Amino acid sequence: MIPYVRQSQIYSYIKMKQIAYIDELLDLTKVSLPTVRRDLKKLEEEGKIILLNGGGVRLTEEAEHSVVTRLEVQADEKYLICNKAASLLENNEFIYVGPGTTENYLIGFLAGKNITVVTNGIYHVPKLLQYKIKTIVIGGQLDHNYGITCGPEVLEEIERMNFSTALIGASAVSQAGVSSFDRDVSIINRKVLGRSKKRILMVDSTKFSAFSHHVFAHIEDFDHIITTKKAGLDSNDMPNIVIADAADL
């Protein structure tokens, strides 16, 4: 196997596992320890990974939060969650769809619905075009890594709109609040929730054990918090919890 292909394989594995260990990578690649170490050194030089004490490897913060990386994480859960979220929408709605990767899975479920989508998520645009969904893209400064538009122009535009439903994701959910790793996303989410009649939070099971800095809402601010049974939660934990299941498909 040529080095580039092997390094891509290693990188994909680390993205899937979030933290991987050298012994695992040796089993994966079937090459020598020096070869794996050279591959990891190359990935580290490219700014993709961080080598940890004790033989662990994880993504850099930038790579971990990039849209391309996050699209691949918890894909099965995101699919179920967005199917359930779409079932809660009605025709003729004017909705805000957050810019995150969970929300990206929602777009396919909106096909055929008479709905207008408002978003600042640039990575959503190709799918919105593919499914011919009526869309308003809010303009502003482009953040290339996170795939969003942000800045005062975005906030001013949102201030002039009322949404029937807001559908957004989050980086972390706890009794301390619902939060994002990005300050701009957090500010925009807070503004959107204040302009929305119904509020739906879509989060996979990993978000309930995660930590993130920028709180934009509290659990009780949402009409529905949609996740899967992997979260291990029910209405006794959160009255507004909704469990998405394969039986809903």
C-alpha atoms as a PDB file:
ATOM      1  CA  MET A   1       0.000   0.000   0.000  1.00  0.00           C
ATOM      2  CA  ILE A   2       1.409   3.408  -0.950  1.00  0.00           C
ATOM      3  CA  PRO A   3       1.977   5.832   1.975  1.00  0.00           C
ATOM      4  CA  TYR A   4      -0.723   8.337   0.929  1.00  0.00           C
ATOM      5  CA  VAL A   5      -3.424   5.650   0.831  1.00  0.00           C
ATOM      6  CA  ARG A   6      -2.288   4.165   4.149  1.00  0.00           C
ATOM      7  CA  GLN A   7      -2.221   7.599   5.810  1.00  0.00           C
ATOM      8  CA  SER A   8      -5.735   8.281   4.535  1.00  0.00           C
ATOM      9  CA  GLN A   9      -6.839   4.963   6.011  1.00  0.00           C
ATOM     10  CA  ILE A  10      -5.267   5.833   9.361  1.00  0.00           C
ATOM     11  CA  TYR A  11      -6.822   9.306   9.352  1.00  0.00           C
ATOM     12  CA  SER A  12     -10.282   7.909   8.578  1.00  0.00           C
ATOM     13  CA  TYR A  13      -9.931   5.444  11.432  1.00  0.00           C
ATOM     14  CA  ILE A  14      -8.949   8.182  13.880  1.00  0.00           C
ATOM     15  CA  LYS A  15     -11.933  10.272  12.743  1.00  0.00           C
ATOM     16  CA  MET A  16     -14.239   7.339  13.425  1.00  0.00           C
ATOM     17  CA  LYS A  17     -12.740   6.463  16.830  1.00  0.00           C
ATOM     18  CA  GLN A  18     -11.971  10.054  17.951  1.00  0.00           C
ATOM     19  CA  ILE A  19      -9.039   8.662  19.963  1.00  0.00           C
ATOM     20  CA  ALA A  20      -7.000   5.748  18.587  1.00  0.00           C
ATOM     21  CA  TYR A  21      -3.949   3.891  19.849  1.00  0.00           C
ATOM     22  CA  ILE A  22      -0.872   2.747  17.984  1.00  0.00           C
ATOM     23  CA  ASP A  23      -1.625  -0.933  18.632  1.00  0.00           C
ATOM     24  CA  GLU A  24      -4.963  -0.483  16.879  1.00  0.00           C
ATOM     25  CA  LEU A  25      -3.286   1.214  13.925  1.00  0.00           C
ATOM     26  CA  LEU A  26      -0.773  -1.614  13.636  1.00  0.00           C
ATOM     27  CA  ASP A  27      -3.652  -4.104  13.417  1.00  0.00           C
ATOM     28  CA  LEU A  28      -5.410  -1.902  10.905  1.00  0.00           C
ATOM     29  CA  THR A  29      -2.516  -1.332   8.508  1.00  0.00           C
ATOM     30  CA  LYS A  30      -0.525  -4.566   8.940  1.00  0.00           C
ATOM     31  CA  VAL A  31       2.754  -2.668   8.670  1.00  0.00           C
ATOM     32  CA  SER A  32       5.688  -2.203  11.041  1.00  0.00           C
ATOM     33  CA  LEU A  33       5.753   0.107  14.041  1.00  0.00           C
ATOM     34  CA  PRO A  34       8.335   2.474  12.440  1.00  0.00           C
ATOM     35  CA  THR A  35       6.106   2.780   9.362  1.00  0.00           C
ATOM     36  CA  VAL A  36       3.048   3.674  11.446  1.00  0.00           C
ATOM     37  CA  ARG A  37       5.083   6.201  13.397  1.00  0.00           C
ATOM     38  CA  ARG A  38       6.245   7.832  10.143  1.00  0.00           C
ATOM     39  CA  ASP A  39       2.655   8.004   8.918  1.00  0.00           C
ATOM     40  CA  LEU A  40       1.515   9.599  12.171  1.00  0.00           C
ATOM     41  CA  LYS A  41       4.381  12.086  12.046  1.00  0.00           C
ATOM     42  CA  LYS A  42       3.310  13.066   8.528  1.00  0.00           C
ATOM     43  CA  LEU A  43      -0.321  13.544   9.619  1.00  0.00           C
ATOM     44  CA  GLU A  44       0.866  15.589  12.589  1.00  0.00           C
ATOM     45  CA  GLU A  45       2.983  17.819  10.316  1.00  0.00           C
ATOM     46  CA  GLU A  46      -0.110  18.387   8.163  1.00  0.00           C
ATOM     47  CA  GLY A  47      -1.972  19.620  11.246  1.00  0.00           C
ATOM     48  CA  LYS A  48      -4.522  16.806  11.200  1.00  0.00           C
ATOM     49  CA  ILE A  49      -3.686  14.913  14.400  1.00  0.00           C
ATOM     50  CA  ILE A  50      -2.092  15.289  17.814  1.00  0.00           C
ATOM     51  CA  LEU A  51       0.090  12.560  19.327  1.00  0.00           C
ATOM     52  CA  LEU A  52      -0.763  12.000  22.977  1.00  0.00           C
ATOM     53  CA  ASN A  53       1.288  10.655  25.863  1.00  0.00           C
ATOM     54  CA  GLY A  54       0.739   6.930  26.254  1.00  0.00           C
ATOM     55  CA  GLY A  55       0.489   6.166  22.554  1.00  0.00           C
ATOM     56  CA  GLY A  56      -2.871   7.777  21.870  1.00  0.00           C
ATOM     57  CA  VAL A  57      -3.741   9.805  18.792  1.00  0.00           C
ATOM     58  CA  ARG A  58      -6.607  12.251  18.313  1.00  0.00           C
ATOM     59  CA  LEU A  59      -7.691  14.844  15.799  1.00  0.00           C
ATOM     60  CA  THR A  60      -6.572  18.430  16.163  1.00  0.00           C
ATOM     61  CA  GLU A  61      -9.312  20.752  17.380  1.00  0.00           C
ATOM     62  CA  GLU A  62      -9.603  22.334  13.938  1.00  0.00           C
ATOM     63  CA  ALA A  63      -9.934  18.968  12.213  1.00  0.00           C
ATOM     64  CA  GLU A  64     -12.338  17.675  14.865  1.00  0.00           C
ATOM     65  CA  HIS A  65     -14.736  20.577  14.354  1.00  0.00           C
ATOM     66  CA  SER A  66     -14.477  20.849  10.575  1.00  0.00           C
ATOM     67  CA  VAL A  67     -17.691  20.168   8.674  1.00  0.00           C
ATOM     68  CA  VAL A  68     -16.166  17.477   6.451  1.00  0.00           C
ATOM     69  CA  THR A  69     -15.003  15.497   9.489  1.00  0.00           C
ATOM     70  CA  ARG A  70     -18.223  15.857  11.463  1.00  0.00           C
ATOM     71  CA  LEU A  71     -20.468  14.805   8.561  1.00  0.00           C
ATOM     72  CA  GLU A  72     -19.172  11.262   8.956  1.00  0.00           C
ATOM     73  CA  VAL A  73     -19.658  10.971  12.724  1.00  0.00           C
ATOM     74  CA  GLN A  74     -22.757   9.215  14.156  1.00  0.00           C
ATOM     75  CA  ALA A  75     -24.303   9.096  10.677  1.00  0.00           C
ATOM     76  CA  ASP A  76     -26.850   6.371  11.543  1.00  0.00           C
ATOM     77  CA  GLU A  77     -28.156   8.337  14.514  1.00  0.00           C
ATOM     78  CA  LYS A  78     -28.349  11.585  12.566  1.00  0.00           C
ATOM     79  CA  TYR A  79     -30.399   9.860   9.864  1.00  0.00           C
ATOM     80  CA  LEU A  80     -32.976   8.580  12.392  1.00  0.00           C
ATOM     81  CA  ILE A  81     -33.106  11.898  14.244  1.00  0.00           C
ATOM     82  CA  CYS A  82     -33.746  13.928  11.102  1.00  0.00           C
ATOM     83  CA  ASN A  83     -36.405  11.528   9.863  1.00  0.00           C
ATOM     84  CA  LYS A  84     -38.271  12.049  13.140  1.00  0.00           C
ATOM     85  CA  ALA A  85     -37.776  15.829  12.998  1.00  0.00           C
ATOM     86  CA  ALA A  86     -39.173  16.044   9.472  1.00  0.00           C
ATOM     87  CA  SER A  87     -42.289  14.149  10.579  1.00  0.00           C
ATOM     88  CA  LEU A  88     -43.053  16.982  13.017  1.00  0.00           C
ATOM     89  CA  LEU A  89     -43.191  19.576  10.230  1.00  0.00           C
ATOM     90  CA  GLU A  90     -46.251  20.616   8.263  1.00  0.00           C
ATOM     91  CA  ASN A  91     -46.702  22.032   4.790  1.00  0.00           C
ATOM     92  CA  ASN A  92     -46.281  25.774   4.256  1.00  0.00           C
ATOM     93  CA  GLU A  93     -43.815  26.182   7.107  1.00  0.00           C
ATOM     94  CA  PHE A  94     -41.119  28.852   7.131  1.00  0.00           C
ATOM     95  CA  ILE A  95     -38.256  27.164   8.977  1.00  0.00           C
ATOM     96  CA  TYR A  96     -34.741  27.901  10.086  1.00  0.00           C
ATOM     97  CA  VAL A  97     -32.273  25.045   9.637  1.00  0.00           C
ATOM     98  CA  GLY A  98     -29.024  25.376  11.575  1.00  0.00           C
ATOM     99  CA  PRO A  99     -25.675  25.023   9.790  1.00  0.00           C
ATOM    100  CA  GLY A 100     -24.496  21.843  11.528  1.00  0.00           C
ATOM    101  CA  THR A 101     -23.874  18.389  10.142  1.00  0.00           C
ATOM    102  CA  THR A 102     -26.895  16.846  11.875  1.00  0.00           C
ATOM    103  CA  GLU A 103     -29.118  19.404  10.163  1.00  0.00           C
ATOM    104  CA  ASN A 104     -27.519  18.479   6.829  1.00  0.00           C
ATOM    105  CA  TYR A 105     -29.156  15.055   7.079  1.00  0.00           C
ATOM    106  CA  LEU A 106     -32.552  16.739   7.481  1.00  0.00           C
ATOM    107  CA  ILE A 107     -32.591  18.206   3.987  1.00  0.00           C
ATOM    108  CA  GLY A 108     -33.296  14.935   2.191  1.00  0.00           C
ATOM    109  CA  PHE A 109     -36.374  14.412   4.363  1.00  0.00           C
ATOM    110  CA  LEU A 110     -37.769  17.804   3.317  1.00  0.00           C
ATOM    111  CA  ALA A 111     -38.088  16.778  -0.330  1.00  0.00           C
ATOM    112  CA  GLY A 112     -41.665  17.092  -1.556  1.00  0.00           C
ATOM    113  CA  LYS A 113     -42.763  19.283   1.341  1.00  0.00           C
ATOM    114  CA  ASN A 114     -44.012  22.793   0.628  1.00  0.00           C
ATOM    115  CA  ILE A 115     -41.515  24.401   2.986  1.00  0.00           C
ATOM    116  CA  THR A 116     -39.200  27.405   2.866  1.00  0.00           C
ATOM    117  CA  VAL A 117     -35.796  26.856   4.446  1.00  0.00           C
ATOM    118  CA  VAL A 118     -33.746  29.724   5.844  1.00  0.00           C
ATOM    119  CA  THR A 119     -30.147  28.887   6.670  1.00  0.00           C
ATOM    120  CA  ASN A 120     -26.630  30.235   7.031  1.00  0.00           C
ATOM    121  CA  GLY A 121     -25.162  26.777   6.419  1.00  0.00           C
ATOM    122  CA  ILE A 122     -23.163  26.905   3.204  1.00  0.00           C
ATOM    123  CA  TYR A 123     -22.606  23.136   3.116  1.00  0.00           C
ATOM    124  CA  HIS A 124     -26.393  22.688   2.933  1.00  0.00           C
ATOM    125  CA  VAL A 125     -26.702  24.509  -0.387  1.00  0.00           C
ATOM    126  CA  PRO A 126     -25.829  21.606  -2.770  1.00  0.00           C
ATOM    127  CA  LYS A 127     -28.450  19.351  -1.162  1.00  0.00           C
ATOM    128  CA  LEU A 128     -31.048  22.110  -1.108  1.00  0.00           C
ATOM    129  CA  LEU A 129     -30.438  22.561  -4.831  1.00  0.00           C
ATOM    130  CA  GLN A 130     -30.552  18.805  -5.433  1.00  0.00           C
ATOM    131  CA  TYR A 131     -33.948  18.429  -3.760  1.00  0.00           C
ATOM    132  CA  LYS A 132     -35.296  21.694  -5.220  1.00  0.00           C
ATOM    133  CA  ILE A 133     -36.255  23.089  -1.823  1.00  0.00           C
ATOM    134  CA  LYS A 134     -37.261  26.734  -1.643  1.00  0.00           C
ATOM    135  CA  THR A 135     -34.397  28.369   0.237  1.00  0.00           C
ATOM    136  CA  ILE A 136     -33.193  31.677   1.607  1.00  0.00           C
ATOM    137  CA  VAL A 137     -29.448  31.722   2.310  1.00  0.00           C
ATOM    138  CA  ILE A 138     -28.549  34.441   4.789  1.00  0.00           C
ATOM    139  CA  GLY A 139     -25.510  36.359   3.589  1.00  0.00           C
ATOM    140  CA  GLY A 140     -22.573  37.517   5.687  1.00  0.00           C
ATOM    141  CA  GLN A 141     -18.907  36.821   6.289  1.00  0.00           C
ATOM    142  CA  LEU A 142     -17.952  33.301   5.237  1.00  0.00           C
ATOM    143  CA  ASP A 143     -16.235  31.011   7.732  1.00  0.00           C
ATOM    144  CA  HIS A 144     -14.566  28.446   5.473  1.00  0.00           C
ATOM    145  CA  ASN A 145     -13.804  25.837   8.134  1.00  0.00           C
ATOM    146  CA  TYR A 146     -17.233  25.690   9.720  1.00  0.00           C
ATOM    147  CA  GLY A 147     -19.127  26.380   6.500  1.00  0.00           C
ATOM    148  CA  ILE A 148     -21.286  29.204   7.831  1.00  0.00           C
ATOM    149  CA  THR A 149     -22.013  32.831   7.168  1.00  0.00           C
ATOM    150  CA  CYS A 150     -21.779  35.010  10.273  1.00  0.00           C
ATOM    151  CA  GLY A 151     -21.464  38.596  11.406  1.00  0.00           C
ATOM    152  CA  PRO A 152     -23.870  41.518  11.920  1.00  0.00           C
ATOM    153  CA  GLU A 153     -25.495  41.077   8.497  1.00  0.00           C
ATOM    154  CA  VAL A 154     -26.731  37.612   9.483  1.00  0.00           C
ATOM    155  CA  LEU A 155     -28.131  38.817  12.812  1.00  0.00           C
ATOM    156  CA  GLU A 156     -29.855  41.795  11.184  1.00  0.00           C
ATOM    157  CA  GLU A 157     -31.518  39.555   8.602  1.00  0.00           C
ATOM    158  CA  ILE A 158     -32.741  37.108  11.250  1.00  0.00           C
ATOM    159  CA  GLU A 159     -34.151  40.011  13.248  1.00  0.00           C
ATOM    160  CA  ARG A 160     -36.469  40.731  10.298  1.00  0.00           C
ATOM    161  CA  MET A 161     -37.888  37.176  10.184  1.00  0.00           C
ATOM    162  CA  ASN A 162     -40.324  35.038  12.167  1.00  0.00           C
ATOM    163  CA  PHE A 163     -39.887  31.268  11.909  1.00  0.00           C
ATOM    164  CA  SER A 164     -42.630  28.703  12.358  1.00  0.00           C
ATOM    165  CA  THR A 165     -39.993  26.165  13.443  1.00  0.00           C
ATOM    166  CA  ALA A 166     -36.293  26.287  14.251  1.00  0.00           C
ATOM    167  CA  LEU A 167     -34.360  23.040  13.820  1.00  0.00           C
ATOM    168  CA  ILE A 168     -30.847  23.205  15.184  1.00  0.00           C
ATOM    169  CA  GLY A 169     -28.083  21.012  16.541  1.00  0.00           C
ATOM    170  CA  ALA A 170     -25.644  21.500  19.406  1.00  0.00           C
ATOM    171  CA  SER A 171     -22.179  20.450  20.492  1.00  0.00           C
ATOM    172  CA  ALA A 172     -23.200  19.540  24.041  1.00  0.00           C
ATOM    173  CA  VAL A 173     -26.363  19.156  26.114  1.00  0.00           C
ATOM    174  CA  SER A 174     -26.578  19.082  29.913  1.00  0.00           C
ATOM    175  CA  GLN A 175     -28.536  20.553  32.810  1.00  0.00           C
ATOM    176  CA  ALA A 176     -26.047  23.435  32.652  1.00  0.00           C
ATOM    177  CA  GLY A 177     -27.255  24.359  29.177  1.00  0.00           C
ATOM    178  CA  VAL A 178     -27.239  23.626  25.455  1.00  0.00           C
ATOM    179  CA  SER A 179     -24.006  24.809  23.903  1.00  0.00           C
ATOM    180  CA  SER A 180     -21.885  25.184  20.787  1.00  0.00           C
ATOM    181  CA  PHE A 181     -18.121  25.048  20.287  1.00  0.00           C
ATOM    182  CA  ASP A 182     -18.367  28.171  18.088  1.00  0.00           C
ATOM    183  CA  ARG A 183     -19.244  31.600  19.492  1.00  0.00           C
ATOM    184  CA  ASP A 184     -20.797  32.898  16.267  1.00  0.00           C
ATOM    185  CA  VAL A 185     -23.044  29.850  15.928  1.00  0.00           C
ATOM    186  CA  SER A 186     -24.122  30.272  19.552  1.00  0.00           C
ATOM    187  CA  ILE A 187     -25.055  33.933  19.060  1.00  0.00           C
ATOM    188  CA  ILE A 188     -27.022  33.159  15.891  1.00  0.00           C
ATOM    189  CA  ASN A 189     -28.834  30.224  17.523  1.00  0.00           C
ATOM    190  CA  ARG A 190     -29.891  32.409  20.440  1.00  0.00           C
ATOM    191  CA  LYS A 191     -31.292  35.007  18.064  1.00  0.00           C
ATOM    192  CA  VAL A 192     -33.123  32.385  15.973  1.00  0.00           C
ATOM    193  CA  LEU A 193     -34.747  30.728  18.996  1.00  0.00           C
ATOM    194  CA  GLY A 194     -36.129  34.098  20.041  1.00  0.00           C
ATOM    195  CA  ARG A 195     -37.790  34.473  16.618  1.00  0.00           C
ATOM    196  CA  SER A 196     -39.282  30.948  16.428  1.00  0.00           C
ATOM    197  CA  LYS A 197     -42.729  29.650  17.340  1.00  0.00           C
ATOM    198  CA  LYS A 198     -41.570  26.016  17.739  1.00  0.00           C
ATOM    199  CA  ARG A 199     -38.048  24.944  18.673  1.00  0.00           C
ATOM    200  CA  ILE A 200     -36.568  21.527  17.893  1.00  0.00           C
ATOM    201  CA  LEU A 201     -33.127  20.404  19.041  1.00  0.00           C
ATOM    202  CA  MET A 202     -31.558  17.496  17.128  1.00  0.00           C
ATOM    203  CA  VAL A 203     -28.628  15.832  18.902  1.00  0.00           C
ATOM    204  CA  ASP A 204     -27.035  12.385  18.737  1.00  0.00           C
ATOM    205  CA  SER A 205     -26.243  10.428  21.900  1.00  0.00           C
ATOM    206  CA  THR A 206     -22.628  11.616  22.160  1.00  0.00           C
ATOM    207  CA  LYS A 207     -23.715  15.201  22.818  1.00  0.00           C
ATOM    208  CA  PHE A 208     -25.037  14.325  26.289  1.00  0.00           C
ATOM    209  CA  SER A 209     -21.537  13.435  27.505  1.00  0.00           C
ATOM    210  CA  ALA A 210     -19.757  16.247  25.640  1.00  0.00           C
ATOM    211  CA  PHE A 211     -18.537  19.616  26.875  1.00  0.00           C
ATOM    212  CA  SER A 212     -18.681  22.871  24.958  1.00  0.00           C
ATOM    213  CA  HIS A 213     -18.079  26.503  25.879  1.00  0.00           C
ATOM    214  CA  HIS A 214     -20.798  28.738  24.419  1.00  0.00           C
ATOM    215  CA  VAL A 215     -24.261  28.227  25.962  1.00  0.00           C
ATOM    216  CA  PHE A 216     -27.130  29.459  23.815  1.00  0.00           C
ATOM    217  CA  ALA A 217     -30.197  27.864  25.442  1.00  0.00           C
ATOM    218  CA  HIS A 218     -31.491  25.680  28.242  1.00  0.00           C
ATOM    219  CA  ILE A 219     -33.114  22.268  27.936  1.00  0.00           C
ATOM    220  CA  GLU A 220     -36.571  23.634  28.769  1.00  0.00           C
ATOM    221  CA  ASP A 221     -36.350  26.177  25.930  1.00  0.00           C
ATOM    222  CA  PHE A 222     -37.116  23.447  23.369  1.00  0.00           C
ATOM    223  CA  ASP A 223     -40.462  21.927  22.471  1.00  0.00           C
ATOM    224  CA  HIS A 224     -38.707  18.732  21.389  1.00  0.00           C
ATOM    225  CA  ILE A 225     -35.203  17.358  21.950  1.00  0.00           C
ATOM    226  CA  ILE A 226     -34.746  14.526  19.470  1.00  0.00           C
ATOM    227  CA  THR A 227     -32.101  11.855  20.009  1.00  0.00           C
ATOM    228  CA  THR A 228     -31.861   8.055  19.895  1.00  0.00           C
ATOM    229  CA  LYS A 229     -32.073   5.295  22.505  1.00  0.00           C
ATOM    230  CA  LYS A 230     -28.267   5.240  22.623  1.00  0.00           C
ATOM    231  CA  ALA A 231     -28.495   8.357  24.810  1.00  0.00           C
ATOM    232  CA  GLY A 232     -30.138   6.260  27.545  1.00  0.00           C
ATOM    233  CA  LEU A 233     -32.704   8.979  28.295  1.00  0.00           C
ATOM    234  CA  ASP A 234     -36.487   9.103  28.597  1.00  0.00           C
ATOM    235  CA  SER A 235     -39.213  11.540  29.633  1.00  0.00           C
ATOM    236  CA  ASN A 236     -38.281  11.069  33.301  1.00  0.00           C
ATOM    237  CA  ASP A 237     -34.928  12.670  32.503  1.00  0.00           C
ATOM    238  CA  MET A 238     -36.281  15.351  30.152  1.00  0.00           C
ATOM    239  CA  PRO A 239     -40.031  15.891  29.625  1.00  0.00           C
ATOM    240  CA  ASN A 240     -39.425  17.156  26.083  1.00  0.00           C
ATOM    241  CA  ILE A 241     -37.227  14.234  24.945  1.00  0.00           C
ATOM    242  CA  VAL A 242     -38.217  12.419  21.753  1.00  0.00           C
ATOM    243  CA  ILE A 243     -36.577   9.101  20.871  1.00  0.00           C
ATOM    244  CA  ALA A 244     -36.031   8.483  17.158  1.00  0.00           C
ATOM    245  CA  ASP A 245     -36.134   4.828  16.174  1.00  0.00           C
ATOM    246  CA  ALA A 246     -35.670   2.736  13.032  1.00  0.00           C
ATOM    247  CA  ALA A 247     -39.344   1.760  13.347  1.00  0.00           C
ATOM    248  CA  ASP A 248     -40.189   5.358  12.354  1.00  0.00           C
ATOM    249  CA  LEU A 249     -38.669   4.933   8.899  1.00  0.00           C
END
